[in-house]
C-alpha atoms as a PDB file:
ATOM      1  CA  MET A   1      31.997 -67.727  77.435  1.00  0.00           C
ATOM      2  CA  GLN A   2      28.572 -69.634  77.748  1.00  0.00           C
ATOM      3  CA  LEU A   3      25.111 -69.231  76.623  1.00  0.00           C
ATOM      4  CA  ARG A   4      22.184 -71.236  77.375  1.00  0.00           C
ATOM      5  CA  THR A   5      18.683 -70.713  76.677  1.00  0.00           C
ATOM      6  CA  TYR A   6      15.435 -72.472  77.771  1.00  0.00           C
ATOM      7  CA  ILE A   7      12.048 -72.168  76.336  1.00  0.00           C
ATOM      8  CA  PRO A   8       9.099 -72.369  79.157  1.00  0.00           C
ATOM      9  CA  GLN A   9       6.294 -74.722  79.245  1.00  0.00           C
ATOM     10  CA  THR A  10       2.778 -73.394  78.316  1.00  0.00           C
ATOM     11  CA  PRO A  11       1.125 -71.233  79.373  1.00  0.00           C
ATOM     12  CA  LEU A  12       4.172 -69.343  79.647  1.00  0.00           C
ATOM     13  CA  SER A  13       5.518 -70.047  76.043  1.00  0.00           C
ATOM     14  CA  ASP A  14       2.537 -67.646  74.625  1.00  0.00           C
ATOM     15  CA  PHE A  15       4.293 -64.945  76.160  1.00  0.00           C
ATOM     16  CA  VAL A  16       8.053 -65.326  76.799  1.00  0.00           C
ATOM     17  CA  ASP A  17      10.496 -66.322  73.772  1.00  0.00           C
ATOM     18  CA  PHE A  18      12.959 -68.025  76.095  1.00  0.00           C
ATOM     19  CA  PHE A  19      15.080 -67.586  78.974  1.00  0.00           C
ATOM     20  CA  TRP A  20      18.464 -67.125  78.750  1.00  0.00           C
ATOM     21  CA  TYR A  21      21.859 -67.840  80.771  1.00  0.00           C
ATOM     22  CA  PHE A  22      24.825 -65.757  80.059  1.00  0.00           C
ATOM     23  CA  GLU A  23      28.579 -66.367  81.783  1.00  0.00           C
ATOM     24  CA  GLY A  24      31.919 -65.260  81.316  1.00  0.00           C
ATOM     25  CA  TYR A  25      30.978 -62.441  78.986  1.00  0.00           C
ATOM     26  CA  SER A  26      34.158 -60.039  78.877  1.00  0.00           C
ATOM     27  CA  PRO A  27      34.397 -58.350  75.385  1.00  0.00           C
ATOM     28  CA  SER A  28      37.248 -56.015  74.237  1.00  0.00           C
ATOM     29  CA  TYR A  29      35.221 -52.972  74.493  1.00  0.00           C
ATOM     30  CA  SER A  30      33.597 -51.330  77.571  1.00  0.00           C
ATOM     31  CA  LYS A  31      30.223 -50.133  75.904  1.00  0.00           C
ATOM     32  CA  GLU A  32      27.843 -52.165  73.591  1.00  0.00           C
ATOM     33  CA  LEU A  33      24.687 -50.269  71.774  1.00  0.00           C
ATOM     34  CA  ALA A  34      21.660 -52.449  72.344  1.00  0.00           C
ATOM     35  CA  LEU A  35      19.337 -51.867  69.133  1.00  0.00           C
ATOM     36  CA  PRO A  36      15.619 -51.596  69.762  1.00  0.00           C
ATOM     37  CA  ASP A  37      13.308 -54.322  68.540  1.00  0.00           C
ATOM     38  CA  GLY A  38      10.272 -53.448  70.755  1.00  0.00           C
ATOM     39  CA  SER A  39      10.698 -56.547  72.972  1.00  0.00           C
ATOM     40  CA  ILE A  40      11.077 -56.327  76.708  1.00  0.00           C
ATOM     41  CA  GLU A  41      13.882 -58.000  78.657  1.00  0.00           C
ATOM     42  CA  LEU A  42      14.137 -58.895  82.230  1.00  0.00           C
ATOM     43  CA  VAL A  43      17.819 -59.199  83.377  1.00  0.00           C
ATOM     44  CA  ILE A  44      19.033 -60.625  86.691  1.00  0.00           C
ATOM     45  CA  ASN A  45      22.842 -59.914  87.111  1.00  0.00           C
ATOM     46  CA  LEU A  46      24.213 -62.903  89.361  1.00  0.00           C
ATOM     47  CA  ARG A  47      27.587 -61.790  89.753  1.00  0.00           C
ATOM     48  CA  GLU A  48      27.040 -58.089  90.897  1.00  0.00           C
ATOM     49  CA  ASP A  49      24.295 -56.211  92.894  1.00  0.00           C
ATOM     50  CA  GLU A  50      23.557 -53.771  90.118  1.00  0.00           C
ATOM     51  CA  ASN A  51      23.068 -53.280  86.234  1.00  0.00           C
ATOM     52  CA  LYS A  52      25.089 -50.372  84.790  1.00  0.00           C
ATOM     53  CA  PHE A  53      24.070 -48.786  81.731  1.00  0.00           C
ATOM     54  CA  VAL A  54      25.544 -45.708  79.751  1.00  0.00           C
ATOM     55  CA  GLU A  55      23.631 -42.433  79.283  1.00  0.00           C
ATOM     56  CA  ARG A  56      22.805 -42.032  75.675  1.00  0.00           C
ATOM     57  CA  GLU A  57      24.177 -38.247  74.908  1.00  0.00           C
ATOM     58  CA  SER A  58      27.409 -38.247  76.605  1.00  0.00           C
ATOM     59  CA  LYS A  59      28.201 -41.784  75.971  1.00  0.00           C
ATOM     60  CA  SER A  60      30.171 -41.773  79.037  1.00  0.00           C
ATOM     61  CA  GLN A  61      28.301 -40.924  82.319  1.00  0.00           C
ATOM     62  CA  ILE A  62      27.022 -44.480  84.002  1.00  0.00           C
ATOM     63  CA  ILE A  63      23.640 -45.036  84.904  1.00  0.00           C
ATOM     64  CA  THR A  64      23.105 -47.669  87.688  1.00  0.00           C
ATOM     65  CA  TYR A  65      19.998 -49.656  88.457  1.00  0.00           C
ATOM     66  CA  GLY A  66      19.482 -52.698  90.671  1.00  0.00           C
ATOM     67  CA  SER A  67      20.693 -56.301  90.634  1.00  0.00           C
ATOM     68  CA  SER A  68      17.298 -57.267  88.624  1.00  0.00           C
ATOM     69  CA  VAL A  69      16.267 -54.563  85.850  1.00  0.00           C
ATOM     70  CA  ILE A  70      13.336 -54.447  83.628  1.00  0.00           C
ATOM     71  CA  CYS A  71      14.432 -53.113  80.073  1.00  0.00           C
ATOM     72  CA  GLY A  72      11.027 -51.705  78.623  1.00  0.00           C
ATOM     73  CA  PRO A  73      10.023 -51.801  75.129  1.00  0.00           C
ATOM     74  CA  HIS A  74      12.370 -49.642  73.036  1.00  0.00           C
ATOM     75  CA  SER A  75      12.117 -47.592  70.043  1.00  0.00           C
ATOM     76  CA  GLU A  76      15.544 -46.073  70.433  1.00  0.00           C
ATOM     77  CA  PHE A  77      19.181 -47.643  71.312  1.00  0.00           C
ATOM     78  CA  PHE A  78      20.460 -47.771  74.310  1.00  0.00           C
ATOM     79  CA  ILE A  79      24.038 -48.320  75.761  1.00  0.00           C
ATOM     80  CA  ILE A  80      25.283 -50.942  78.300  1.00  0.00           C
ATOM     81  CA  ASP A  81      28.414 -50.990  80.309  1.00  0.00           C
ATOM     82  CA  THR A  82      30.074 -54.174  79.547  1.00  0.00           C
ATOM     83  CA  SER A  83      33.298 -53.083  81.390  1.00  0.00           C
ATOM     84  CA  SER A  84      33.008 -56.136  84.031  1.00  0.00           C
ATOM     85  CA  GLU A  85      32.698 -59.678  83.234  1.00  0.00           C
ATOM     86  CA  ALA A  86      29.031 -60.470  83.395  1.00  0.00           C
ATOM     87  CA  THR A  87      27.095 -63.573  84.675  1.00  0.00           C
ATOM     88  CA  VAL A  88      23.409 -62.781  83.963  1.00  0.00           C
ATOM     89  CA  LEU A  89      20.207 -64.720  83.671  1.00  0.00           C
ATOM     90  CA  GLY A  90      17.037 -62.848  81.844  1.00  0.00           C
ATOM     91  CA  ILE A  91      13.604 -63.505  79.926  1.00  0.00           C
ATOM     92  CA  HIS A  92      13.112 -62.144  76.647  1.00  0.00           C
ATOM     93  CA  PHE A  93       9.255 -61.487  76.439  1.00  0.00           C
ATOM     94  CA  LYS A  94       7.416 -61.854  73.395  1.00  0.00           C
ATOM     95  CA  PRO A  95       5.668 -58.893  72.227  1.00  0.00           C
ATOM     96  CA  GLY A  96       3.322 -57.668  74.613  1.00  0.00           C
ATOM     97  CA  GLY A  97       4.146 -60.692  76.801  1.00  0.00           C
ATOM     98  CA  ILE A  98       5.097 -58.882  80.057  1.00  0.00           C
ATOM     99  CA  TYR A  99       1.582 -57.401  80.099  1.00  0.00           C
ATOM    100  CA  PRO A 100      -0.017 -60.298  82.566  1.00  0.00           C
ATOM    101  CA  PHE A 101       2.975 -59.653  85.006  1.00  0.00           C
ATOM    102  CA  LEU A 102       2.582 -56.062  85.481  1.00  0.00           C
ATOM    103  CA  ASN A 103       0.178 -53.697  87.443  1.00  0.00           C
ATOM    104  CA  ILE A 104       0.573 -50.984  85.152  1.00  0.00           C
ATOM    105  CA  PRO A 105       0.384 -50.531  81.349  1.00  0.00           C
ATOM    106  CA  VAL A 106       3.227 -51.505  79.314  1.00  0.00           C
ATOM    107  CA  SER A 107       3.567 -48.134  77.609  1.00  0.00           C
ATOM    108  CA  GLU A 108       4.624 -46.462  80.989  1.00  0.00           C
ATOM    109  CA  LEU A 109       8.086 -48.617  80.203  1.00  0.00           C
ATOM    110  CA  HIS A 110       8.357 -47.312  76.943  1.00  0.00           C
ATOM    111  CA  ASN A 111      12.238 -46.377  76.223  1.00  0.00           C
ATOM    112  CA  ILE A 112      13.242 -46.661  79.907  1.00  0.00           C
ATOM    113  CA  HIS A 113      14.865 -49.024  82.494  1.00  0.00           C
ATOM    114  CA  VAL A 114      13.327 -50.004  85.947  1.00  0.00           C
ATOM    115  CA  SER A 115      14.747 -51.786  88.791  1.00  0.00           C
ATOM    116  CA  LEU A 116      12.588 -54.803  89.095  1.00  0.00           C
ATOM    117  CA  ASP A 117      11.740 -54.172  92.809  1.00  0.00           C
ATOM    118  CA  VAL A 118      10.050 -51.129  91.840  1.00  0.00           C
ATOM    119  CA  LEU A 119       7.265 -53.350  90.221  1.00  0.00           C
ATOM    120  CA  TRP A 120       7.694 -56.565  91.898  1.00  0.00           C
ATOM    121  CA  GLY A 121       8.690 -55.274  95.567  1.00  0.00           C
ATOM    122  CA  VAL A 122      10.183 -57.866  97.750  1.00  0.00           C
ATOM    123  CA  ARG A 123       9.672 -60.738  95.360  1.00  0.00           C
ATOM    124  CA  ALA A 124      12.102 -59.267  93.024  1.00  0.00           C
ATOM    125  CA  HIS A 125      14.911 -59.826  95.777  1.00  0.00           C
ATOM    126  CA  ASP A 126      13.463 -63.279  96.837  1.00  0.00           C
ATOM    127  CA  LEU A 127      13.873 -64.177  93.452  1.00  0.00           C
ATOM    128  CA  ARG A 128      17.343 -63.358  93.074  1.00  0.00           C
ATOM    129  CA  GLU A 129      18.247 -65.117  96.182  1.00  0.00           C
ATOM    130  CA  ALA A 130      16.811 -68.180  95.177  1.00  0.00           C
ATOM    131  CA  LEU A 131      18.685 -68.083  91.860  1.00  0.00           C
ATOM    132  CA  LEU A 132      21.915 -67.586  93.793  1.00  0.00           C
ATOM    133  CA  PHE A 133      21.335 -70.373  95.800  1.00  0.00           C
ATOM    134  CA  SER A 134      20.526 -72.863  93.037  1.00  0.00           C
ATOM    135  CA  LYS A 135      23.334 -75.078  92.081  1.00  0.00           C
ATOM    136  CA  THR A 136      22.974 -75.723  88.150  1.00  0.00           C
ATOM    137  CA  ILE A 137      21.434 -73.880  85.231  1.00  0.00           C
ATOM    138  CA  GLU A 138      18.705 -75.974  84.907  1.00  0.00           C
ATOM    139  CA  GLU A 139      17.320 -75.383  88.411  1.00  0.00           C
ATOM    140  CA  LYS A 140      17.581 -71.622  87.794  1.00  0.00           C
ATOM    141  CA  PHE A 141      15.507 -71.999  84.754  1.00  0.00           C
ATOM    142  CA  GLN A 142      13.121 -74.097  86.800  1.00  0.00           C
ATOM    143  CA  ILE A 143      12.987 -71.404  89.745  1.00  0.00           C
ATOM    144  CA  LEU A 144      12.491 -68.533  87.108  1.00  0.00           C
ATOM    145  CA  GLU A 145       9.737 -70.537  85.548  1.00  0.00           C
ATOM    146  CA  GLY A 146       8.081 -71.313  88.770  1.00  0.00           C
ATOM    147  CA  ASN A 147       8.538 -67.927  89.912  1.00  0.00           C
ATOM    148  CA  LEU A 148       7.187 -65.993  87.031  1.00  0.00           C
ATOM    149  CA  ILE A 149       3.798 -68.154  87.095  1.00  0.00           C
ATOM    150  CA  GLU A 150       3.164 -67.182  90.435  1.00  0.00           C
ATOM    151  CA  LEU A 151       3.942 -63.444  89.604  1.00  0.00           C
ATOM    152  CA  ALA A 152       1.231 -63.097  87.157  1.00  0.00           C
ATOM    153  CA  SER A 153      -1.285 -60.177  88.217  1.00  0.00           C
ATOM    154  CA  ARG A 154      -3.678 -60.856  85.302  1.00  0.00           C
ATOM    155  CA  PRO A 155      -4.943 -63.759  83.661  1.00  0.00           C
ATOM    156  CA  LEU A 156      -2.276 -65.439  81.330  1.00  0.00           C
ATOM    157  CA  ILE A 157      -4.462 -64.073  78.072  1.00  0.00           C
ATOM    158  CA  ARG A 158      -4.243 -61.806  75.127  1.00  0.00           C
ATOM    159  CA  HIS A 159      -6.616 -59.275  74.168  1.00  0.00           C
ATOM    160  CA  PRO A 160      -8.075 -60.956  70.858  1.00  0.00           C
ATOM    161  CA  ALA A 161      -7.437 -57.667  69.159  1.00  0.00           C
ATOM    162  CA  VAL A 162      -3.870 -57.399  70.305  1.00  0.00           C
ATOM    163  CA  SER A 163      -3.244 -61.086  69.341  1.00  0.00           C
ATOM    164  CA  PHE A 164      -4.827 -60.582  65.837  1.00  0.00           C
ATOM    165  CA  ALA A 165      -2.733 -57.701  65.124  1.00  0.00           C
ATOM    166  CA  LEU A 166       0.663 -58.941  66.289  1.00  0.00           C
ATOM    167  CA  ASN A 167      -0.126 -62.207  64.086  1.00  0.00           C
ATOM    168  CA  GLU A 168      -0.671 -59.820  61.255  1.00  0.00           C
ATOM    169  CA  PHE A 169       2.406 -57.433  62.353  1.00  0.00           C
ATOM    170  CA  LEU A 170       4.811 -60.402  62.559  1.00  0.00           C
ATOM    171  CA  ILE A 171       4.301 -61.584  58.814  1.00  0.00           C
ATOM    172  CA  LEU A 172       7.313 -59.765  57.187  1.00  0.00           C
ATOM    173  CA  PRO A 173       7.379 -57.814  54.887  1.00  0.00           C
ATOM    174  CA  HIS A 174       4.040 -56.583  56.354  1.00  0.00           C
ATOM    175  CA  LYS A 175       2.193 -55.090  53.053  1.00  0.00           C
ATOM    176  CA  ARG A 176      -1.090 -54.854  54.535  1.00  0.00           C
ATOM    177  CA  PRO A 177      -2.336 -51.134  55.288  1.00  0.00           C
ATOM    178  CA  LEU A 178      -2.867 -50.468  59.016  1.00  0.00           C
ATOM    179  CA  THR A 179      -6.239 -49.360  58.686  1.00  0.00           C
ATOM    180  CA  GLU A 180      -7.145 -52.594  56.929  1.00  0.00           C
ATOM    181  CA  VAL A 181      -5.996 -54.900  59.974  1.00  0.00           C
ATOM    182  CA  ILE A 182      -8.185 -52.554  62.277  1.00  0.00           C
ATOM    183  CA  GLU A 183     -11.135 -52.805  59.749  1.00  0.00           C
ATOM    184  CA  GLN A 184     -11.035 -56.509  60.550  1.00  0.00           C
ATOM    185  CA  ILE A 185     -10.855 -56.222  64.484  1.00  0.00           C
ATOM    186  CA  GLY A 186     -14.090 -54.297  64.631  1.00  0.00           C
ATOM    187  CA  LEU A 187     -12.813 -51.590  67.067  1.00  0.00           C
ATOM    188  CA  SER A 188     -12.397 -48.043  66.352  1.00  0.00           C
ATOM    189  CA  GLN A 189      -8.797 -46.940  65.487  1.00  0.00           C
ATOM    190  CA  ARG A 190      -8.305 -45.020  68.723  1.00  0.00           C
ATOM    191  CA  ARG A 191      -9.774 -47.766  70.990  1.00  0.00           C
ATOM    192  CA  PHE A 192      -7.523 -50.318  69.226  1.00  0.00           C
ATOM    193  CA  ILE A 193      -4.217 -48.023  69.614  1.00  0.00           C
ATOM    194  CA  GLN A 194      -4.976 -47.674  73.284  1.00  0.00           C
ATOM    195  CA  ILE A 195      -5.329 -51.333  73.796  1.00  0.00           C
ATOM    196  CA  PHE A 196      -2.097 -52.176  72.015  1.00  0.00           C
ATOM    197  CA  LYS A 197      -0.123 -49.226  73.318  1.00  0.00           C
ATOM    198  CA  GLU A 198      -1.401 -51.123  77.078  1.00  0.00           C
ATOM    199  CA  GLU A 199      -0.195 -54.457  76.305  1.00  0.00           C
ATOM    200  CA  VAL A 200       2.669 -53.857  73.706  1.00  0.00           C
ATOM    201  CA  GLY A 201       4.057 -50.761  74.829  1.00  0.00           C
ATOM    202  CA  MET A 202       3.753 -48.315  71.777  1.00  0.00           C
ATOM    203  CA  THR A 203       1.528 -47.797  68.839  1.00  0.00           C
ATOM    204  CA  PRO A 204       0.786 -50.049  66.291  1.00  0.00           C
ATOM    205  CA  LYS A 205       2.761 -48.067  63.767  1.00  0.00           C
ATOM    206  CA  LEU A 206       5.989 -47.711  65.595  1.00  0.00           C
ATOM    207  CA  PHE A 207       5.862 -51.278  66.604  1.00  0.00           C
ATOM    208  CA  CYS A 208       5.553 -52.362  62.924  1.00  0.00           C
ATOM    209  CA  ARG A 209       8.386 -49.778  61.682  1.00  0.00           C
ATOM    210  CA  LEU A 210      10.629 -51.775  64.329  1.00  0.00           C
ATOM    211  CA  ARG A 211       9.628 -55.033  63.054  1.00  0.00           C
ATOM    212  CA  ARG A 212      10.657 -54.115  59.617  1.00  0.00           C
ATOM    213  CA  PHE A 213      14.204 -52.772  60.925  1.00  0.00           C
ATOM    214  CA  LYS A 214      14.539 -56.134  62.777  1.00  0.00           C
ATOM    215  CA  GLU A 215      14.020 -58.024  59.572  1.00  0.00           C
ATOM    216  CA  VAL A 216      16.990 -56.054  57.981  1.00  0.00           C
ATOM    217  CA  LEU A 217      19.090 -57.048  60.900  1.00  0.00           C
ATOM    218  CA  ASN A 218      18.078 -60.985  60.516  1.00  0.00           C
ATOM    219  CA  ARG A 219      18.704 -60.844  56.666  1.00  0.00           C
ATOM    220  CA  ILE A 220      22.421 -59.623  56.991  1.00  0.00           C
ATOM    221  CA  GLU A 221      23.447 -61.368  60.010  1.00  0.00           C
ATOM    222  CA  ASP A 222      25.506 -63.898  58.542  1.00  0.00           C
ATOM    223  CA  ALA A 223      26.206 -62.408  55.127  1.00  0.00           C
ATOM    224  CA  SER A 224      29.764 -61.622  53.867  1.00  0.00           C
ATOM    225  CA  SER A 225      28.511 -58.827  51.747  1.00  0.00           C
ATOM    226  CA  VAL A 226      25.414 -56.765  51.501  1.00  0.00           C
ATOM    227  CA  ASP A 227      23.259 -55.308  48.652  1.00  0.00           C
ATOM    228  CA  TRP A 228      21.447 -52.514  50.545  1.00  0.00           C
ATOM    229  CA  SER A 229      19.028 -51.887  47.977  1.00  0.00           C
ATOM    230  CA  ASP A 230      17.865 -55.507  47.559  1.00  0.00           C
ATOM    231  CA  VAL A 231      17.545 -55.518  51.561  1.00  0.00           C
ATOM    232  CA  ALA A 232      15.441 -52.675  51.327  1.00  0.00           C
ATOM    233  CA  ILE A 233      12.961 -53.690  48.854  1.00  0.00           C
ATOM    234  CA  ALA A 234      12.733 -57.381  50.480  1.00  0.00           C
ATOM    235  CA  CYS A 235      11.968 -55.860  53.934  1.00  0.00           C
ATOM    236  CA  GLY A 236       9.132 -53.659  52.375  1.00  0.00           C
ATOM    237  CA  TYR A 237      10.614 -50.134  52.405  1.00  0.00           C
ATOM    238  CA  TYR A 238       9.088 -47.441  50.073  1.00  0.00           C
ATOM    239  CA  ASP A 239      13.003 -46.472  48.966  1.00  0.00           C
ATOM    240  CA  GLN A 240      16.307 -46.509  49.974  1.00  0.00           C
ATOM    241  CA  MET A 241      16.113 -43.127  51.402  1.00  0.00           C
ATOM    242  CA  HIS A 242      13.334 -44.025  53.742  1.00  0.00           C
ATOM    243  CA  PHE A 243      15.409 -47.114  54.587  1.00  0.00           C
ATOM    244  CA  ILE A 244      18.617 -45.106  55.666  1.00  0.00           C
ATOM    245  CA  LYS A 245      16.511 -42.729  57.582  1.00  0.00           C
ATOM    246  CA  ASP A 246      15.119 -45.523  59.625  1.00  0.00           C
ATOM    247  CA  PHE A 247      18.125 -47.126  60.259  1.00  0.00           C
ATOM    248  CA  GLN A 248      19.771 -44.141  61.620  1.00  0.00           C
ATOM    249  CA  ALA A 249      16.848 -43.288  63.637  1.00  0.00           C
ATOM    250  CA  PHE A 250      16.835 -46.661  65.454  1.00  0.00           C
ATOM    251  CA  SER A 251      20.533 -47.220  65.674  1.00  0.00           C
ATOM    252  CA  SER A 252      22.310 -43.724  65.526  1.00  0.00           C
ATOM    253  CA  LEU A 253      24.472 -45.741  62.643  1.00  0.00           C
ATOM    254  CA  ASN A 254      24.285 -45.798  58.826  1.00  0.00           C
ATOM    255  CA  PRO A 255      23.874 -49.647  57.618  1.00  0.00           C
ATOM    256  CA  THR A 256      27.233 -49.632  56.307  1.00  0.00           C
ATOM    257  CA  ASP A 257      28.897 -48.760  59.675  1.00  0.00           C
ATOM    258  CA  TYR A 258      26.730 -50.917  61.509  1.00  0.00           C
ATOM    259  CA  PHE A 259      27.834 -53.892  59.102  1.00  0.00           C
ATOM    260  CA  ALA A 260      31.430 -52.970  59.823  1.00  0.00           C
ATOM    261  CA  ARG A 261      31.302 -53.213  63.517  1.00  0.00           C
ATOM    262  CA  GLN A 262      31.995 -56.129  65.537  1.00  0.00           C
ATOM    263  CA  ARG A 263      28.859 -57.532  67.129  1.00  0.00           C
ATOM    264  CA  ARG A 264      27.839 -60.540  69.438  1.00  0.00           C
ATOM    265  CA  HIS A 265      24.173 -60.735  68.138  1.00  0.00           C
ATOM    266  CA  HIS A 266      22.751 -58.489  65.408  1.00  0.00           C
ATOM    267  CA  ASN A 267      20.834 -56.191  67.866  1.00  0.00           C
ATOM    268  CA  HIS A 268      24.196 -55.602  70.077  1.00  0.00           C
ATOM    269  CA  VAL A 269      27.004 -53.588  68.545  1.00  0.00           C
ATOM    270  CA  ALA A 270      30.509 -52.535  69.881  1.00  0.00           C
ATOM    271  CA  LEU A 271      30.707 -48.963  70.725  1.00  0.00           C
ATOM    272  CA  TYR A 272      34.247 -47.614  70.766  1.00  0.00           C
ATOM    273  CA  ASN A 273      33.919 -43.779  71.527  1.00  0.00           C
END
């Protein structure tokens, strides 16, 4: 299995965490839980002409999208079909980072997947074709970087209120009340929430809950054992009951079950049933 990443140059680095290339992934299990963190992922399958996911309720019915797909900002888990060996290229956007590259509010992508050609038309097909004909991973990253800049449909800037709020919310554990952050921004609560949803894809309150959940996963990633009470307190939960409730709401697992499962990344967990 080969994993490579690349951080693009400015101004894209203000909107993108990294590009990634994944080859030869063939786990022993056929389904994988992808846990939410509020981010957005663009996934381009370079081996097959489709991307497969599994319906949440049945955990068996296959849902197929095009060869390139946008995974919108999720606040609930989704299931990836890992039954076939994968070669994929992708973009991991920063919170709100995809906004300049869309003609719709990001909130319209909340908890859904969309084939890229629905959003970018024939340019999605042309991008994948160029990637398929490129010879090296480095060349693929350069093609992706150049095309993404050209695909911007809005100026590569953030709304100042969203930028300020994200900087506040990314400080973990987040202890400042949301109302206090909004007061510093100088907008009405209703207007701020509207702008935040348009750019980030969800309400500020939900985003903060997800950031706290993500911090839990980060803290235990390399641990050999976990004191869940200590983790809950360190991540700003009111008590362990609220912590467990949030953990189950976002992952469908209790913390102990999550920790015991095989995982390739803290947001990707083996699903055996």
